Amino acid sequence: MKITVVAATGGVGRHVLGQAIEAGHDVTAVVRNPAKLDREVRHVTADLGRPDAAALEAAVAGADAVLSGLGAAPGQEGVAWRGTQAIVDAMRAQGTRRIVAISAAPVAGVSAPGRPVPRHAPGEGPFMRYVLTPLLRASLRQEYADLARMEAVLAGSGLDWTVVRPPQLTDKPATHAYRTALGANLPRGLKISRADLAHAMLGMLTDQSTIKQYVAVAY
């Protein structure tokens, strides 16, 4: 496939980029600082905090799919949803339809403009529902609000979107022994490695059951 990887030098993006290249895909990397790329690859320089429409359209032109590792960042209010809106606009302009993007498990219960959500995410056990998730939402309120709005942007985009909701990310090696769930968080799903998350995202590109779905991924 011809794939555009957004935030390709980030914690998850670099794994997506590497695995996509190793799998033989034709890859374009979207990066803010090309000096951080650790391999030769076609790339487009773009700062998603200040999106450049022309650069993003060039990045997604002719792509079969976009894989976005763009996340919320402390001190950069709205970077996830605004950057994702710019990606969506570029995809619409170029006729690219498939996008898989990263969110986070606790966002399943966070509201966003025009998107009412249940008080508790389906699939959460008592510890996650009443202890861990509320603590995370309190400590990362701004970041999760940004991701919730990003999810709303994708849900209203008209594209073939998938939102991936992982729990805590680690730097451990890939095992390919993770679980997934559509439209619900995973009971006792507390961690996943960035390498395995990247593997799951690549697999979802061609999995029709994940289109217009929120997908939990965890061990």
C-alpha atoms as a PDB file:
ATOM      1  CA  MET A   1       0.000   0.000   0.000  1.00  0.00           C
ATOM      2  CA  LYS A   2       0.921   3.639  -0.310  1.00  0.00           C
ATOM      3  CA  ILE A   3       0.845   4.943   3.260  1.00  0.00           C
ATOM      4  CA  THR A   4       1.342   8.367   4.818  1.00  0.00           C
ATOM      5  CA  VAL A   5       2.574   8.262   8.429  1.00  0.00           C
ATOM      6  CA  VAL A   6       1.852  11.430  10.430  1.00  0.00           C
ATOM      7  CA  ALA A   7       4.079  12.293  13.412  1.00  0.00           C
ATOM      8  CA  ALA A   8       6.502   9.683  12.099  1.00  0.00           C
ATOM      9  CA  THR A   9       9.287  10.433  14.596  1.00  0.00           C
ATOM     10  CA  GLY A  10       7.064  10.243  17.680  1.00  0.00           C
ATOM     11  CA  GLY A  11       6.943   7.415  20.188  1.00  0.00           C
ATOM     12  CA  VAL A  12       4.461   5.325  18.204  1.00  0.00           C
ATOM     13  CA  GLY A  13       5.000   6.910  14.798  1.00  0.00           C
ATOM     14  CA  ARG A  14       8.596   5.738  14.519  1.00  0.00           C
ATOM     15  CA  HIS A  15       7.461   2.138  15.067  1.00  0.00           C
ATOM     16  CA  VAL A  16       4.680   2.537  12.509  1.00  0.00           C
ATOM     17  CA  LEU A  17       7.152   3.986  10.041  1.00  0.00           C
ATOM     18  CA  GLY A  18       9.720   1.237  10.536  1.00  0.00           C
ATOM     19  CA  GLN A  19       7.231  -1.614  10.415  1.00  0.00           C
ATOM     20  CA  ALA A  20       5.489  -0.188   7.345  1.00  0.00           C
ATOM     21  CA  ILE A  21       8.789   0.066   5.472  1.00  0.00           C
ATOM     22  CA  GLU A  22       9.837  -3.434   6.541  1.00  0.00           C
ATOM     23  CA  ALA A  23       6.477  -4.765   5.309  1.00  0.00           C
ATOM     24  CA  GLY A  24       7.204  -3.339   1.870  1.00  0.00           C
ATOM     25  CA  HIS A  25       4.761  -0.447   1.863  1.00  0.00           C
ATOM     26  CA  ASP A  26       5.469   2.746  -0.068  1.00  0.00           C
ATOM     27  CA  VAL A  27       5.737   5.248   2.778  1.00  0.00           C
ATOM     28  CA  THR A  28       5.697   9.027   3.111  1.00  0.00           C
ATOM     29  CA  ALA A  29       6.598  10.420   6.539  1.00  0.00           C
ATOM     30  CA  VAL A  30       5.114  13.661   7.863  1.00  0.00           C
ATOM     31  CA  VAL A  31       7.531  15.163  10.395  1.00  0.00           C
ATOM     32  CA  ARG A  32       8.172  18.479  12.072  1.00  0.00           C
ATOM     33  CA  ASN A  33      11.949  17.935  12.156  1.00  0.00           C
ATOM     34  CA  PRO A  34      13.381  15.709   9.382  1.00  0.00           C
ATOM     35  CA  ALA A  35      16.695  15.495  11.272  1.00  0.00           C
ATOM     36  CA  LYS A  36      14.986  13.112  13.709  1.00  0.00           C
ATOM     37  CA  LEU A  37      14.311  10.523  10.995  1.00  0.00           C
ATOM     38  CA  ASP A  38      16.557   7.496  11.532  1.00  0.00           C
ATOM     39  CA  ARG A  39      16.141   6.080   8.018  1.00  0.00           C
ATOM     40  CA  GLU A  40      15.950   7.222   4.424  1.00  0.00           C
ATOM     41  CA  VAL A  41      12.321   7.766   3.500  1.00  0.00           C
ATOM     42  CA  ARG A  42      10.276  10.186   1.451  1.00  0.00           C
ATOM     43  CA  HIS A  43       9.137  12.897   3.842  1.00  0.00           C
ATOM     44  CA  VAL A  44       7.157  16.108   4.069  1.00  0.00           C
ATOM     45  CA  THR A  45       7.949  18.712   6.705  1.00  0.00           C
ATOM     46  CA  ALA A  46       4.860  19.967   8.534  1.00  0.00           C
ATOM     47  CA  ASP A  47       4.188  21.344  11.999  1.00  0.00           C
ATOM     48  CA  LEU A  48       0.743  20.107  13.057  1.00  0.00           C
ATOM     49  CA  GLY A  49       0.619  22.857  15.647  1.00  0.00           C
ATOM     50  CA  ARG A  50       0.537  25.319  12.737  1.00  0.00           C
ATOM     51  CA  PRO A  51      -0.812  23.186   9.872  1.00  0.00           C
ATOM     52  CA  ASP A  52       0.260  23.961   6.317  1.00  0.00           C
ATOM     53  CA  ALA A  53      -2.587  22.897   4.012  1.00  0.00           C
ATOM     54  CA  ALA A  54      -0.401  22.641   0.907  1.00  0.00           C
ATOM     55  CA  ALA A  55       2.224  20.506   2.663  1.00  0.00           C
ATOM     56  CA  LEU A  56      -0.382  18.129   4.070  1.00  0.00           C
ATOM     57  CA  GLU A  57      -2.132  17.780   0.723  1.00  0.00           C
ATOM     58  CA  ALA A  58       1.217  16.896  -0.851  1.00  0.00           C
ATOM     59  CA  ALA A  59       1.803  14.333   1.892  1.00  0.00           C
ATOM     60  CA  VAL A  60      -1.501  12.494   1.382  1.00  0.00           C
ATOM     61  CA  ALA A  61      -1.789  12.842  -2.398  1.00  0.00           C
ATOM     62  CA  GLY A  62      -2.219   9.392  -3.931  1.00  0.00           C
ATOM     63  CA  ALA A  63      -2.084   7.614  -0.575  1.00  0.00           C
ATOM     64  CA  ASP A  64      -4.195   4.531   0.085  1.00  0.00           C
ATOM     65  CA  ALA A  65      -4.264   5.331   3.788  1.00  0.00           C
ATOM     66  CA  VAL A  66      -3.015   7.639   6.532  1.00  0.00           C
ATOM     67  CA  LEU A  67      -1.705   6.403   9.876  1.00  0.00           C
ATOM     68  CA  SER A  68      -1.614   9.180  12.469  1.00  0.00           C
ATOM     69  CA  GLY A  69       0.529   9.081  15.570  1.00  0.00           C
ATOM     70  CA  LEU A  70      -0.437  12.649  16.459  1.00  0.00           C
ATOM     71  CA  GLY A  71      -1.291  13.005  20.119  1.00  0.00           C
ATOM     72  CA  ALA A  72      -2.127  15.671  22.652  1.00  0.00           C
ATOM     73  CA  ALA A  73       0.823  17.490  24.191  1.00  0.00           C
ATOM     74  CA  PRO A  74       1.226  19.493  27.414  1.00  0.00           C
ATOM     75  CA  GLY A  75       1.404  23.200  26.655  1.00  0.00           C
ATOM     76  CA  GLN A  76       0.037  22.751  23.123  1.00  0.00           C
ATOM     77  CA  GLU A  77      -3.681  23.107  23.674  1.00  0.00           C
ATOM     78  CA  GLY A  78      -5.748  21.700  20.819  1.00  0.00           C
ATOM     79  CA  VAL A  79      -2.831  20.390  18.766  1.00  0.00           C
ATOM     80  CA  ALA A  80      -4.413  16.936  18.364  1.00  0.00           C
ATOM     81  CA  TRP A  81      -7.825  18.033  17.148  1.00  0.00           C
ATOM     82  CA  ARG A  82      -6.630  20.985  15.082  1.00  0.00           C
ATOM     83  CA  GLY A  83      -3.865  18.945  13.483  1.00  0.00           C
ATOM     84  CA  THR A  84      -6.285  16.111  12.773  1.00  0.00           C
ATOM     85  CA  GLN A  85      -8.794  18.537  11.253  1.00  0.00           C
ATOM     86  CA  ALA A  86      -6.037  19.741   8.917  1.00  0.00           C
ATOM     87  CA  ILE A  87      -5.211  16.139   7.970  1.00  0.00           C
ATOM     88  CA  VAL A  88      -8.901  15.422   7.312  1.00  0.00           C
ATOM     89  CA  ASP A  89      -9.179  18.532   5.136  1.00  0.00           C
ATOM     90  CA  ALA A  90      -6.116  17.479   3.152  1.00  0.00           C
ATOM     91  CA  MET A  91      -7.464  13.953   2.691  1.00  0.00           C
ATOM     92  CA  ARG A  92     -10.811  15.253   1.462  1.00  0.00           C
ATOM     93  CA  ALA A  93      -9.051  17.551  -0.993  1.00  0.00           C
ATOM     94  CA  GLN A  94      -6.981  14.677  -2.384  1.00  0.00           C
ATOM     95  CA  GLY A  95      -9.643  11.951  -2.265  1.00  0.00           C
ATOM     96  CA  THR A  96      -7.839   9.823   0.339  1.00  0.00           C
ATOM     97  CA  ARG A  97     -10.377   8.025   2.539  1.00  0.00           C
ATOM     98  CA  ARG A  98      -8.722   5.645   5.034  1.00  0.00           C
ATOM     99  CA  ILE A  99      -7.246   6.921   8.290  1.00  0.00           C
ATOM    100  CA  VAL A 100      -6.221   5.145  11.498  1.00  0.00           C
ATOM    101  CA  ALA A 101      -5.440   7.473  14.423  1.00  0.00           C
ATOM    102  CA  ILE A 102      -4.297   7.090  18.029  1.00  0.00           C
ATOM    103  CA  SER A 103      -6.321   8.261  21.003  1.00  0.00           C
ATOM    104  CA  ALA A 104      -6.278   6.782  24.540  1.00  0.00           C
ATOM    105  CA  ALA A 105      -8.403   4.338  26.527  1.00  0.00           C
ATOM    106  CA  PRO A 106      -9.687   6.856  29.130  1.00  0.00           C
ATOM    107  CA  VAL A 107     -11.040   9.109  26.351  1.00  0.00           C
ATOM    108  CA  ALA A 108     -13.900   6.634  25.871  1.00  0.00           C
ATOM    109  CA  GLY A 109     -15.762   8.443  28.668  1.00  0.00           C
ATOM    110  CA  VAL A 110     -14.765  12.040  27.903  1.00  0.00           C
ATOM    111  CA  SER A 111     -17.281  14.344  26.251  1.00  0.00           C
ATOM    112  CA  ALA A 112     -16.588  16.609  23.291  1.00  0.00           C
ATOM    113  CA  PRO A 113     -18.654  19.267  21.482  1.00  0.00           C
ATOM    114  CA  GLY A 114     -21.489  17.483  19.720  1.00  0.00           C
ATOM    115  CA  ARG A 115     -20.499  14.078  21.090  1.00  0.00           C
ATOM    116  CA  PRO A 116     -22.343  12.843  24.172  1.00  0.00           C
ATOM    117  CA  VAL A 117     -20.704   9.820  25.766  1.00  0.00           C
ATOM    118  CA  PRO A 118     -21.633   7.355  28.503  1.00  0.00           C
ATOM    119  CA  ARG A 119     -20.447   8.144  31.994  1.00  0.00           C
ATOM    120  CA  HIS A 120     -18.472   4.904  32.003  1.00  0.00           C
ATOM    121  CA  ALA A 121     -16.782   3.265  29.040  1.00  0.00           C
ATOM    122  CA  PRO A 122     -18.110  -0.210  28.176  1.00  0.00           C
ATOM    123  CA  GLY A 123     -15.749  -3.012  29.106  1.00  0.00           C
ATOM    124  CA  GLU A 124     -14.084  -1.334  32.067  1.00  0.00           C
ATOM    125  CA  GLY A 125     -13.745  -3.361  35.236  1.00  0.00           C
ATOM    126  CA  PRO A 126     -14.356  -1.812  38.693  1.00  0.00           C
ATOM    127  CA  PHE A 127     -10.704  -0.827  39.288  1.00  0.00           C
ATOM    128  CA  MET A 128     -10.407   0.986  35.967  1.00  0.00           C
ATOM    129  CA  ARG A 129     -13.897   2.504  36.203  1.00  0.00           C
ATOM    130  CA  TYR A 130     -13.761   3.852  39.740  1.00  0.00           C
ATOM    131  CA  VAL A 131     -10.035   4.299  40.473  1.00  0.00           C
ATOM    132  CA  LEU A 132      -7.554   4.413  37.603  1.00  0.00           C
ATOM    133  CA  THR A 133      -9.578   6.085  34.852  1.00  0.00           C
ATOM    134  CA  PRO A 134     -10.891   8.953  37.057  1.00  0.00           C
ATOM    135  CA  LEU A 135      -7.337   9.633  38.292  1.00  0.00           C
ATOM    136  CA  LEU A 136      -6.003   9.735  34.743  1.00  0.00           C
ATOM    137  CA  ARG A 137      -8.795  12.001  33.543  1.00  0.00           C
ATOM    138  CA  ALA A 138      -8.167  14.391  36.420  1.00  0.00           C
ATOM    139  CA  SER A 139      -4.405  14.589  35.896  1.00  0.00           C
ATOM    140  CA  LEU A 140      -4.579  14.797  32.092  1.00  0.00           C
ATOM    141  CA  ARG A 141      -7.797  16.764  31.729  1.00  0.00           C
ATOM    142  CA  GLN A 142      -6.565  19.086  28.979  1.00  0.00           C
ATOM    143  CA  GLU A 143      -4.896  16.333  26.951  1.00  0.00           C
ATOM    144  CA  TYR A 144      -7.922  14.029  27.078  1.00  0.00           C
ATOM    145  CA  ALA A 145     -10.277  16.881  26.148  1.00  0.00           C
ATOM    146  CA  ASP A 146      -8.073  17.484  23.097  1.00  0.00           C
ATOM    147  CA  LEU A 147      -8.178  13.797  22.141  1.00  0.00           C
ATOM    148  CA  ALA A 148     -11.952  13.633  22.644  1.00  0.00           C
ATOM    149  CA  ARG A 149     -12.390  16.532  20.264  1.00  0.00           C
ATOM    150  CA  MET A 150      -9.998  14.853  17.833  1.00  0.00           C
ATOM    151  CA  GLU A 151     -12.188  11.747  17.920  1.00  0.00           C
ATOM    152  CA  ALA A 152     -15.222  13.920  17.198  1.00  0.00           C
ATOM    153  CA  VAL A 153     -13.440  15.449  14.194  1.00  0.00           C
ATOM    154  CA  LEU A 154     -12.831  11.989  12.766  1.00  0.00           C
ATOM    155  CA  ALA A 155     -16.346  10.745  13.523  1.00  0.00           C
ATOM    156  CA  GLY A 156     -17.784  13.678  11.608  1.00  0.00           C
ATOM    157  CA  SER A 157     -15.276  13.581   8.768  1.00  0.00           C
ATOM    158  CA  GLY A 158     -17.135  11.279   6.388  1.00  0.00           C
ATOM    159  CA  LEU A 159     -13.882   9.345   5.933  1.00  0.00           C
ATOM    160  CA  ASP A 160     -13.205   5.659   6.608  1.00  0.00           C
ATOM    161  CA  TRP A 161     -11.758   6.295  10.056  1.00  0.00           C
ATOM    162  CA  THR A 162     -10.593   4.100  12.909  1.00  0.00           C
ATOM    163  CA  VAL A 163      -9.732   5.480  16.349  1.00  0.00           C
ATOM    164  CA  VAL A 164      -7.354   3.288  18.351  1.00  0.00           C
ATOM    165  CA  ARG A 165      -7.547   3.558  22.143  1.00  0.00           C
ATOM    166  CA  PRO A 166      -4.524   2.076  23.931  1.00  0.00           C
ATOM    167  CA  PRO A 167      -3.863   2.131  27.687  1.00  0.00           C
ATOM    168  CA  GLN A 168      -0.413   2.933  29.143  1.00  0.00           C
ATOM    169  CA  LEU A 169       2.327   2.652  26.515  1.00  0.00           C
ATOM    170  CA  THR A 170       5.692   0.982  27.120  1.00  0.00           C
ATOM    171  CA  ASP A 171       8.918   0.641  25.171  1.00  0.00           C
ATOM    172  CA  LYS A 172       9.068  -3.155  25.438  1.00  0.00           C
ATOM    173  CA  PRO A 173       9.555  -5.265  22.276  1.00  0.00           C
ATOM    174  CA  ALA A 174       6.648  -6.404  20.134  1.00  0.00           C
ATOM    175  CA  THR A 175       4.961  -9.667  21.109  1.00  0.00           C
ATOM    176  CA  HIS A 176       1.954  -9.612  18.735  1.00  0.00           C
ATOM    177  CA  ALA A 177       0.053 -11.145  21.684  1.00  0.00           C
ATOM    178  CA  TYR A 178      -2.366  -8.300  22.294  1.00  0.00           C
ATOM    179  CA  ARG A 179      -6.169  -8.188  22.486  1.00  0.00           C
ATOM    180  CA  THR A 180      -8.563  -5.880  20.670  1.00  0.00           C
ATOM    181  CA  ALA A 181     -12.187  -4.895  21.191  1.00  0.00           C
ATOM    182  CA  LEU A 182     -14.578  -2.846  19.069  1.00  0.00           C
ATOM    183  CA  GLY A 183     -16.494  -0.081  20.822  1.00  0.00           C
ATOM    184  CA  ALA A 184     -15.376  -1.005  24.328  1.00  0.00           C
ATOM    185  CA  ASN A 185     -12.311  -0.935  26.531  1.00  0.00           C
ATOM    186  CA  LEU A 186     -10.627  -4.183  27.497  1.00  0.00           C
ATOM    187  CA  PRO A 187     -11.026  -5.578  31.031  1.00  0.00           C
ATOM    188  CA  ARG A 188      -7.627  -5.608  32.780  1.00  0.00           C
ATOM    189  CA  GLY A 189      -6.117  -4.018  29.692  1.00  0.00           C
ATOM    190  CA  LEU A 190      -3.544  -1.837  31.437  1.00  0.00           C
ATOM    191  CA  LYS A 191      -0.559  -1.740  29.082  1.00  0.00           C
ATOM    192  CA  ILE A 192       0.704  -2.276  25.551  1.00  0.00           C
ATOM    193  CA  SER A 193       4.068  -1.617  23.934  1.00  0.00           C
ATOM    194  CA  ARG A 194       4.420   1.068  21.294  1.00  0.00           C
ATOM    195  CA  ALA A 195       5.776  -1.601  18.937  1.00  0.00           C
ATOM    196  CA  ASP A 196       2.680  -3.764  19.354  1.00  0.00           C
ATOM    197  CA  LEU A 197       0.378  -0.763  19.005  1.00  0.00           C
ATOM    198  CA  ALA A 198       2.061   0.056  15.701  1.00  0.00           C
ATOM    199  CA  HIS A 199       1.608  -3.557  14.559  1.00  0.00           C
ATOM    200  CA  ALA A 200      -2.090  -3.414  15.452  1.00  0.00           C
ATOM    201  CA  MET A 201      -2.595  -0.144  13.576  1.00  0.00           C
ATOM    202  CA  LEU A 202      -1.006  -1.521  10.413  1.00  0.00           C
ATOM    203  CA  GLY A 203      -3.238  -4.575  10.639  1.00  0.00           C
ATOM    204  CA  MET A 204      -6.348  -2.415  10.924  1.00  0.00           C
ATOM    205  CA  LEU A 205      -5.655  -0.705   7.604  1.00  0.00           C
ATOM    206  CA  THR A 206      -7.192  -3.594   5.706  1.00  0.00           C
ATOM    207  CA  ASP A 207      -9.605  -4.823   8.391  1.00  0.00           C
ATOM    208  CA  GLN A 208     -13.022  -3.643   7.212  1.00  0.00           C
ATOM    209  CA  SER A 209     -14.595  -4.395  10.597  1.00  0.00           C
ATOM    210  CA  THR A 210     -12.619  -1.538  12.178  1.00  0.00           C
ATOM    211  CA  ILE A 211     -13.930   1.180   9.837  1.00  0.00           C
ATOM    212  CA  LYS A 212     -15.892   3.865  11.731  1.00  0.00           C
ATOM    213  CA  GLN A 213     -15.033   2.120  14.983  1.00  0.00           C
ATOM    214  CA  TYR A 214     -13.270   2.883  18.274  1.00  0.00           C
ATOM    215  CA  VAL A 215     -10.862  -0.005  18.868  1.00  0.00           C
ATOM    216  CA  ALA A 216      -9.248  -0.847  22.200  1.00  0.00           C
ATOM    217  CA  VAL A 217      -5.843  -2.519  22.062  1.00  0.00           C
ATOM    218  CA  ALA A 218      -4.099  -3.951  25.137  1.00  0.00           C
ATOM    219  CA  TYR A 219      -2.445  -7.050  26.559  1.00  0.00           C
END
